[in-house]
Amino acid sequence: MNQYVRGKSGVYITFAKTYCSCQAHYYEVVCKSEAPYCKHQLAARLALALKRCPVTVVPDTAIAQFLLDS
């Protein structure tokens, strides 16, 4: 399941355990392996655990457009 997480610099798409579209995820998690997750992934996981995130079905075309725009 993917989630949108609002951060200071915008909205990021996350797969809570594997991916976030923020720069910190790429730099600190992927390149440097300094952290297992970025803060957006942690927020997404916490929201899921606390059942505090609304579920919205988003068509694949909307996700593709979001990725093209980011």
Protein backbone atom coordinates (compact mmCIF):
# COMPACT_ATOMS: atom_id res chain seq x y z
CA MET A 1 0.00 0.00 0.00
CA ASN A 2 1.32 3.43 -0.83
CA GLN A 3 0.59 6.61 1.07
CA TYR A 4 0.93 10.32 0.55
CA VAL A 5 2.72 12.07 3.39
CA ARG A 6 2.79 15.85 3.73
CA GLY A 7 6.20 17.18 4.70
CA LYS A 8 7.74 20.63 5.09
CA SER A 9 8.72 20.83 1.43
CA GLY A 10 5.74 19.15 -0.18
CA VAL A 11 3.82 15.91 -0.46
CA TYR A 12 5.74 12.66 -0.81
CA ILE A 13 4.61 9.28 -1.98
CA THR A 14 5.76 6.45 0.27
CA PHE A 15 5.62 2.72 0.41
CA ALA A 16 5.93 2.53 4.18
CA LYS A 17 8.61 -0.19 4.22
CA THR A 18 10.50 0.30 0.95
CA TYR A 19 10.35 3.74 -0.69
CA CYS A 20 9.79 7.46 -0.29
CA SER A 21 10.08 10.11 -2.98
CA CYS A 22 11.92 12.56 -0.70
CA GLN A 23 15.61 13.41 -1.13
CA ALA A 24 16.48 12.24 2.38
CA HIS A 25 15.31 8.72 1.55
CA TYR A 26 17.53 8.58 -1.50
CA TYR A 27 20.57 10.10 0.19
CA GLU A 28 20.47 8.66 3.73
CA VAL A 29 18.62 5.37 3.21
CA VAL A 30 19.62 4.29 -0.29
CA CYS A 31 23.07 5.82 -0.89
CA LYS A 32 24.61 6.01 2.57
CA SER A 33 22.63 3.30 4.42
CA GLU A 34 22.64 5.49 7.53
CA ALA A 35 18.98 4.91 8.38
CA PRO A 36 16.48 2.15 7.63
CA TYR A 37 13.67 4.67 6.88
CA CYS A 38 13.16 8.40 6.33
CA LYS A 39 10.83 10.39 8.59
CA HIS A 40 8.01 10.23 6.02
CA GLN A 41 8.10 6.43 6.03
CA LEU A 42 8.07 6.44 9.84
CA ALA A 43 5.08 8.79 9.82
CA ALA A 44 3.27 6.52 7.36
CA ARG A 45 3.98 3.43 9.45
CA LEU A 46 2.87 5.17 12.65
CA ALA A 47 -0.36 6.37 11.02
CA LEU A 48 -1.11 2.83 9.85
CA ALA A 49 -0.38 1.34 13.27
CA LEU A 50 -2.62 3.90 14.99
CA LYS A 51 -5.30 3.58 12.31
CA ARG A 52 -5.07 7.35 11.78
CA CYS A 53 -4.76 7.49 8.01
CA PRO A 54 -7.68 7.82 5.63
CA VAL A 55 -7.75 5.31 2.80
CA THR A 56 -8.32 6.70 -0.68
CA VAL A 57 -8.26 4.60 -3.82
CA VAL A 58 -6.12 6.37 -6.41
CA PRO A 59 -6.02 5.29 -10.05
CA ASP A 60 -2.68 4.24 -11.52
CA THR A 61 -2.83 7.15 -13.95
CA ALA A 62 -2.91 9.66 -11.08
CA ILE A 63 0.12 8.01 -9.45
CA ALA A 64 1.97 8.05 -12.77
CA GLN A 65 1.22 11.76 -13.20
CA PHE A 66 2.39 12.48 -9.63
CA LEU A 67 5.68 10.71 -10.31
CA LEU A 68 6.15 12.59 -13.57
CA ASP A 69 5.51 15.91 -11.84
CA SER A 70 7.92 15.31 -8.95
